[in-house]
PDB file of N, CA and C in Angstrom:
ATOM      1  N   MET A   1       0.841  -1.173   0.000  1.00  0.00           N
ATOM      2  CA  MET A   1       0.000   0.000   0.000  1.00  0.00           C
ATOM      3  C   MET A   1       0.889   1.240   0.000  1.00  0.00           C
ATOM      4  N   GLY A   2       0.673   2.132  -0.945  1.00  0.00           N
ATOM      5  CA  GLY A   2       1.515   3.312  -1.075  1.00  0.00           C
ATOM      6  C   GLY A   2       0.953   4.531  -0.348  1.00  0.00           C
ATOM      7  N   ARG A   3       1.748   5.550  -0.328  1.00  0.00           N
ATOM      8  CA  ARG A   3       1.318   6.810   0.282  1.00  0.00           C
ATOM      9  C   ARG A   3       0.386   7.561  -0.648  1.00  0.00           C
ATOM     10  N   ARG A   4      -0.596   8.204  -0.071  1.00  0.00           N
ATOM     11  CA  ARG A   4      -1.527   8.991  -0.872  1.00  0.00           C
ATOM     12  C   ARG A   4      -0.928  10.368  -1.144  1.00  0.00           C
ATOM     13  N   SER A   5      -1.068  10.836  -2.348  1.00  0.00           N
ATOM     14  CA  SER A   5      -0.572  12.151  -2.725  1.00  0.00           C
ATOM     15  C   SER A   5      -1.667  13.192  -2.473  1.00  0.00           C
ATOM     16  N   TYR A   6      -1.313  14.214  -1.727  1.00  0.00           N
ATOM     17  CA  TYR A   6      -2.272  15.274  -1.437  1.00  0.00           C
ATOM     18  C   TYR A   6      -2.042  16.504  -2.299  1.00  0.00           C
ATOM     19  N   SER A   7      -1.231  16.385  -3.340  1.00  0.00           N
ATOM     20  CA  SER A   7      -0.912  17.547  -4.166  1.00  0.00           C
ATOM     21  C   SER A   7      -2.151  18.114  -4.862  1.00  0.00           C
ATOM     22  N   GLY A   8      -3.062  17.249  -5.304  1.00  0.00           N
ATOM     23  CA  GLY A   8      -4.284  17.739  -5.950  1.00  0.00           C
ATOM     24  C   GLY A   8      -5.154  18.512  -4.974  1.00  0.00           C
ATOM     25  N   GLU A   9      -5.270  17.992  -3.748  1.00  0.00           N
ATOM     26  CA  GLU A   9      -6.056  18.682  -2.728  1.00  0.00           C
ATOM     27  C   GLU A   9      -5.405  20.017  -2.367  1.00  0.00           C
ATOM     28  N   LYS A  10      -4.091  19.999  -2.247  1.00  0.00           N
ATOM     29  CA  LYS A  10      -3.355  21.229  -1.933  1.00  0.00           C
ATOM     30  C   LYS A  10      -3.562  22.261  -3.042  1.00  0.00           C
ATOM     31  N   ARG A  11      -3.516  21.818  -4.280  1.00  0.00           N
ATOM     32  CA  ARG A  11      -3.707  22.726  -5.414  1.00  0.00           C
ATOM     33  C   ARG A  11      -5.114  23.327  -5.409  1.00  0.00           C
ATOM     34  N   ARG A  12      -6.130  22.493  -5.132  1.00  0.00           N
ATOM     35  CA  ARG A  12      -7.506  23.003  -5.075  1.00  0.00           C
ATOM     36  C   ARG A  12      -7.663  24.052  -3.987  1.00  0.00           C
ATOM     37  N   LYS A  13      -7.093  23.801  -2.809  1.00  0.00           N
ATOM     38  CA  LYS A  13      -7.179  24.766  -1.712  1.00  0.00           C
ATOM     39  C   LYS A  13      -6.478  26.071  -2.066  1.00  0.00           C
ATOM     40  N   GLU A  14      -5.328  25.947  -2.718  1.00  0.00           N
ATOM     41  CA  GLU A  14      -4.573  27.129  -3.131  1.00  0.00           C
ATOM     42  C   GLU A  14      -5.383  27.951  -4.137  1.00  0.00           C
ATOM     43  N   LEU A  15      -6.024  27.279  -5.095  1.00  0.00           N
ATOM     44  CA  LEU A  15      -6.841  27.985  -6.081  1.00  0.00           C
ATOM     45  C   LEU A  15      -8.056  28.647  -5.424  1.00  0.00           C
ATOM     46  N   MET A  16      -8.651  27.989  -4.438  1.00  0.00           N
ATOM     47  CA  MET A  16      -9.784  28.576  -3.725  1.00  0.00           C
ATOM     48  C   MET A  16      -9.350  29.838  -2.973  1.00  0.00           C
ATOM     49  N   ARG A  17      -8.186  29.779  -2.312  1.00  0.00           N
ATOM     50  CA  ARG A  17      -7.674  30.952  -1.595  1.00  0.00           C
ATOM     51  C   ARG A  17      -7.411  32.103  -2.559  1.00  0.00           C
ATOM     52  N   LYS A  18      -6.828  31.797  -3.712  1.00  0.00           N
ATOM     53  CA  LYS A  18      -6.533  32.830  -4.705  1.00  0.00           C
ATOM     54  C   LYS A  18      -7.819  33.444  -5.248  1.00  0.00           C
ATOM     55  N   ALA A  19      -8.818  32.614  -5.525  1.00  0.00           N
ATOM     56  CA  ALA A  19     -10.091  33.126  -6.035  1.00  0.00           C
ATOM     57  C   ALA A  19     -10.767  34.023  -5.008  1.00  0.00           C
ATOM     58  N   LYS A  20     -10.705  33.622  -3.746  1.00  0.00           N
ATOM     59  CA  LYS A  20     -11.304  34.426  -2.680  1.00  0.00           C
ATOM     60  C   LYS A  20     -10.582  35.763  -2.542  1.00  0.00           C
ATOM     61  N   ARG A  21      -9.253  35.727  -2.600  1.00  0.00           N
ATOM     62  CA  ARG A  21      -8.446  36.942  -2.502  1.00  0.00           C
ATOM     63  C   ARG A  21      -8.737  37.885  -3.667  1.00  0.00           C
ATOM     64  N   ASP A  22      -8.831  37.324  -4.882  1.00  0.00           N
ATOM     65  CA  ASP A  22      -9.124  38.133  -6.063  1.00  0.00           C
ATOM     66  C   ASP A  22     -10.521  38.743  -5.992  1.00  0.00           C
ATOM     67  N   ALA A  23     -11.494  37.994  -5.482  1.00  0.00           N
ATOM     68  CA  ALA A  23     -12.853  38.501  -5.359  1.00  0.00           C
ATOM     69  C   ALA A  23     -12.902  39.659  -4.360  1.00  0.00           C
ATOM     70  N   LYS A  24     -12.169  39.529  -3.270  1.00  0.00           N
ATOM     71  CA  LYS A  24     -12.136  40.596  -2.266  1.00  0.00           C
ATOM     72  C   LYS A  24     -11.496  41.848  -2.851  1.00  0.00           C
ATOM     73  N   LEU A  25     -10.407  41.681  -3.579  1.00  0.00           N
ATOM     74  CA  LEU A  25      -9.728  42.810  -4.210  1.00  0.00           C
ATOM     75  C   LEU A  25     -10.652  43.501  -5.211  1.00  0.00           C
ATOM     76  N   GLU A  26     -11.383  42.706  -5.967  1.00  0.00           N
ATOM     77  CA  GLU A  26     -12.313  43.266  -6.955  1.00  0.00           C
ATOM     78  C   GLU A  26     -13.428  44.053  -6.269  1.00  0.00           C
ATOM     79  N   ARG A  27     -13.956  43.516  -5.154  1.00  0.00           N
ATOM     80  CA  ARG A  27     -14.997  44.245  -4.408  1.00  0.00           C
ATOM     81  C   ARG A  27     -14.464  45.570  -3.882  1.00  0.00           C
ATOM     82  N   LYS A  28     -13.231  45.576  -3.380  1.00  0.00           N
ATOM     83  CA  LYS A  28     -12.640  46.809  -2.860  1.00  0.00           C
ATOM     84  C   LYS A  28     -12.468  47.832  -3.981  1.00  0.00           C
ATOM     85  N   GLN A  29     -12.001  47.389  -5.144  1.00  0.00           N
ATOM     86  CA  GLN A  29     -11.818  48.298  -6.265  1.00  0.00           C
ATOM     87  C   GLN A  29     -13.161  48.835  -6.746  1.00  0.00           C
ATOM     88  N   GLN A  30     -14.179  47.997  -6.736  1.00  0.00           N
ATOM     89  CA  GLN A  30     -15.509  48.427  -7.166  1.00  0.00           C
ATOM     90  C   GLN A  30     -16.067  49.470  -6.204  1.00  0.00           C
ATOM     91  N   SER A  31     -15.886  49.264  -4.887  1.00  0.00           N
ATOM     92  CA  SER A  31     -16.396  50.231  -3.920  1.00  0.00           C
ATOM     93  C   SER A  31     -15.653  51.562  -4.041  1.00  0.00           C
ATOM     94  N   ARG A  32     -14.362  51.517  -4.367  1.00  0.00           N
ATOM     95  CA  ARG A  32     -13.615  52.755  -4.584  1.00  0.00           C
ATOM     96  C   ARG A  32     -14.128  53.472  -5.822  1.00  0.00           C
ATOM     97  N   ALA A  33     -14.456  52.720  -6.856  1.00  0.00           N
ATOM     98  CA  ALA A  33     -14.950  53.313  -8.096  1.00  0.00           C
ATOM     99  C   ALA A  33     -16.333  53.933  -7.888  1.00  0.00           C
ATOM    100  N   ASP A  34     -17.112  53.350  -6.971  1.00  0.00           N
ATOM    101  CA  ASP A  34     -18.441  53.877  -6.685  1.00  0.00           C
ATOM    102  C   ASP A  34     -18.384  55.143  -5.837  1.00  0.00           C
ATOM    103  N   GLY A  35     -17.228  55.467  -5.298  1.00  0.00           N
ATOM    104  CA  GLY A  35     -17.087  56.700  -4.542  1.00  0.00           C
ATOM    105  C   GLY A  35     -17.210  56.530  -3.044  1.00  0.00           C
ATOM    106  N   GLU A  36     -17.301  55.328  -2.560  1.00  0.00           N
ATOM    107  CA  GLU A  36     -17.384  55.125  -1.121  1.00  0.00           C
ATOM    108  C   GLU A  36     -16.016  55.403  -0.519  1.00  0.00           C
ATOM    109  N   THR A  37     -15.970  56.319   0.457  1.00  0.00           N
ATOM    110  CA  THR A  37     -14.685  56.641   1.070  1.00  0.00           C
ATOM    111  C   THR A  37     -14.469  55.869   2.353  1.00  0.00           C
ATOM    112  N   GLY A  38     -15.509  55.401   2.965  1.00  0.00           N
ATOM    113  CA  GLY A  38     -15.370  54.643   4.200  1.00  0.00           C
ATOM    114  C   GLY A  38     -16.733  54.315   4.750  1.00  0.00           C
ATOM    115  N   THR A  39     -16.719  53.648   5.865  1.00  0.00           N
ATOM    116  CA  THR A  39     -17.986  53.294   6.484  1.00  0.00           C
ATOM    117  C   THR A  39     -18.176  54.108   7.738  1.00  0.00           C
ATOM    118  N   GLY A  40     -19.391  54.176   8.207  1.00  0.00           N
ATOM    119  CA  GLY A  40     -19.676  54.896   9.432  1.00  0.00           C
ATOM    120  C   GLY A  40     -20.281  56.253   9.150  1.00  0.00           C
ATOM    121  N   PRO A  41     -20.704  56.910  10.219  1.00  0.00           N
ATOM    122  CA  PRO A  41     -21.348  58.213  10.064  1.00  0.00           C
ATOM    123  C   PRO A  41     -20.330  59.286   9.688  1.00  0.00           C
ATOM    124  N   PRO A  42     -20.798  60.383   9.100  1.00  0.00           N
ATOM    125  CA  PRO A  42     -19.875  61.469   8.767  1.00  0.00           C
ATOM    126  C   PRO A  42     -19.335  62.114  10.045  1.00  0.00           C
ATOM    127  N   ILE A  43     -18.154  62.666   9.967  1.00  0.00           N
ATOM    128  CA  ILE A  43     -17.508  63.275  11.126  1.00  0.00           C
ATOM    129  C   ILE A  43     -17.982  64.711  11.271  1.00  0.00           C
ATOM    130  N   ASP A  44     -18.405  65.063  12.471  1.00  0.00           N
ATOM    131  CA  ASP A  44     -18.785  66.440  12.779  1.00  0.00           C
ATOM    132  C   ASP A  44     -17.557  67.130  13.362  1.00  0.00           C
ATOM    133  N   TRP A  45     -16.816  67.847  12.516  1.00  0.00           N
ATOM    134  CA  TRP A  45     -15.549  68.436  12.937  1.00  0.00           C
ATOM    135  C   TRP A  45     -15.746  69.528  13.975  1.00  0.00           C
ATOM    136  N   ASP A  46     -16.906  70.196  13.968  1.00  0.00           N
ATOM    137  CA  ASP A  46     -17.151  71.261  14.938  1.00  0.00           C
ATOM    138  C   ASP A  46     -17.379  70.717  16.340  1.00  0.00           C
ATOM    139  N   ALA A  47     -17.751  69.450  16.447  1.00  0.00           N
ATOM    140  CA  ALA A  47     -18.057  68.867  17.745  1.00  0.00           C
ATOM    141  C   ALA A  47     -16.877  68.120  18.355  1.00  0.00           C
ATOM    142  N   GLN A  48     -15.703  68.228  17.756  1.00  0.00           N
ATOM    143  CA  GLN A  48     -14.537  67.520  18.270  1.00  0.00           C
ATOM    144  C   GLN A  48     -14.112  68.103  19.616  1.00  0.00           C
ATOM    145  N   VAL A  49     -13.633  67.243  20.507  1.00  0.00           N
ATOM    146  CA  VAL A  49     -13.172  67.665  21.827  1.00  0.00           C
ATOM    147  C   VAL A  49     -11.772  68.232  21.684  1.00  0.00           C
ATOM    148  N   GLY A  50     -11.514  69.381  22.323  1.00  0.00           N
ATOM    149  CA  GLY A  50     -10.180  69.939  22.186  1.00  0.00           C
ATOM    150  C   GLY A  50      -9.834  70.976  23.234  1.00  0.00           C
ATOM    151  N   GLY A  51     -10.805  71.650  23.813  1.00  0.00           N
ATOM    152  CA  GLY A  51     -10.493  72.683  24.788  1.00  0.00           C
ATOM    153  C   GLY A  51     -10.268  74.018  24.116  1.00  0.00           C
ATOM    154  N   ASP A  52      -9.633  74.954  24.851  1.00  0.00           N
ATOM    155  CA  ASP A  52      -9.463  76.308  24.347  1.00  0.00           C
ATOM    156  C   ASP A  52      -8.216  76.486  23.480  1.00  0.00           C
ATOM    157  N   GLY A  53      -7.368  75.507  23.425  1.00  0.00           N
ATOM    158  CA  GLY A  53      -6.223  75.561  22.538  1.00  0.00           C
ATOM    159  C   GLY A  53      -4.975  76.141  23.160  1.00  0.00           C
ATOM    160  N   THR A  54      -5.045  76.669  24.381  1.00  0.00           N
ATOM    161  CA  THR A  54      -3.828  77.183  25.021  1.00  0.00           C
ATOM    162  C   THR A  54      -3.179  76.069  25.814  1.00  0.00           C
ATOM    163  N   PRO A  55      -1.880  75.886  25.657  1.00  0.00           N
ATOM    164  CA  PRO A  55      -1.203  74.823  26.401  1.00  0.00           C
ATOM    165  C   PRO A  55      -1.077  75.192  27.882  1.00  0.00           C
ATOM    166  N   PRO A  56      -1.054  74.213  28.755  1.00  0.00           N
ATOM    167  CA  PRO A  56      -0.898  74.504  30.175  1.00  0.00           C
ATOM    168  C   PRO A  56       0.503  75.057  30.446  1.00  0.00           C
ATOM    169  N   GLU A  57       0.615  75.773  31.551  1.00  0.00           N
ATOM    170  CA  GLU A  57       1.914  76.353  31.910  1.00  0.00           C
ATOM    171  C   GLU A  57       2.888  75.251  32.280  1.00  0.00           C
ATOM    172  N   SER A  58       4.147  75.441  31.930  1.00  0.00           N
ATOM    173  CA  SER A  58       5.162  74.473  32.307  1.00  0.00           C
ATOM    174  C   SER A  58       5.504  74.670  33.788  1.00  0.00           C
ATOM    175  N   PRO A  59       6.076  73.686  34.453  1.00  0.00           N
ATOM    176  CA  PRO A  59       6.429  73.813  35.872  1.00  0.00           C
ATOM    177  C   PRO A  59       7.373  74.984  36.140  1.00  0.00           C
ATOM    178  N   ASP A  60       8.253  75.317  35.187  1.00  0.00           N
ATOM    179  CA  ASP A  60       9.166  76.444  35.376  1.00  0.00           C
ATOM    180  C   ASP A  60       8.403  77.762  35.439  1.00  0.00           C
ATOM    181  N   GLU A  61       7.410  77.920  34.553  1.00  0.00           N
ATOM    182  CA  GLU A  61       6.629  79.150  34.542  1.00  0.00           C
ATOM    183  C   GLU A  61       5.779  79.268  35.798  1.00  0.00           C
ATOM    184  N   GLN A  62       5.269  78.137  36.293  1.00  0.00           N
ATOM    185  CA  GLN A  62       4.469  78.166  37.511  1.00  0.00           C
ATOM    186  C   GLN A  62       5.330  78.577  38.700  1.00  0.00           C
ATOM    187  N   ALA A  63       6.563  78.110  38.773  1.00  0.00           N
ATOM    188  CA  ALA A  63       7.453  78.428  39.883  1.00  0.00           C
ATOM    189  C   ALA A  63       7.798  79.909  39.865  1.00  0.00           C
ATOM    190  N   GLU A  64       7.958  80.507  38.694  1.00  0.00           N
ATOM    191  CA  GLU A  64       8.278  81.935  38.594  1.00  0.00           C
ATOM    192  C   GLU A  64       7.105  82.812  38.998  1.00  0.00           C
ATOM    193  N   SER A  65       5.882  82.367  38.715  1.00  0.00           N
ATOM    194  CA  SER A  65       4.712  83.188  39.006  1.00  0.00           C
ATOM    195  C   SER A  65       4.238  83.058  40.454  1.00  0.00           C
ATOM    196  N   GLU A  66       4.693  82.057  41.191  1.00  0.00           N
ATOM    197  CA  GLU A  66       4.275  81.879  42.589  1.00  0.00           C
ATOM    198  C   GLU A  66       5.089  82.820  43.494  1.00  0.00           C
ATOM    199  N   PRO A  67       4.395  83.471  44.443  1.00  0.00           N
ATOM    200  CA  PRO A  67       5.132  84.315  45.387  1.00  0.00           C
ATOM    201  C   PRO A  67       5.920  83.463  46.367  1.00  0.00           C
ATOM    202  N   ARG A  68       7.057  83.974  46.815  1.00  0.00           N
ATOM    203  CA  ARG A  68       7.901  83.224  47.767  1.00  0.00           C
ATOM    204  C   ARG A  68       7.739  83.697  49.150  1.00  0.00           C
TER     205      ARG A  68
END
């Protein structure tokens, strides 16, 4: 009794992986062509968290402004 060759099975699996990869790539290219930039709701830039924009004082500046 000889050893069974799995090369045909390996080849089929490899071709299936390649076909799946190519299909995914094609879907991505199609969505780009349709103008989809991403998923999710649009970003409200005015509602972003940020504060007043002034950086806090450094420890050196705080030490100079404190009375001794």
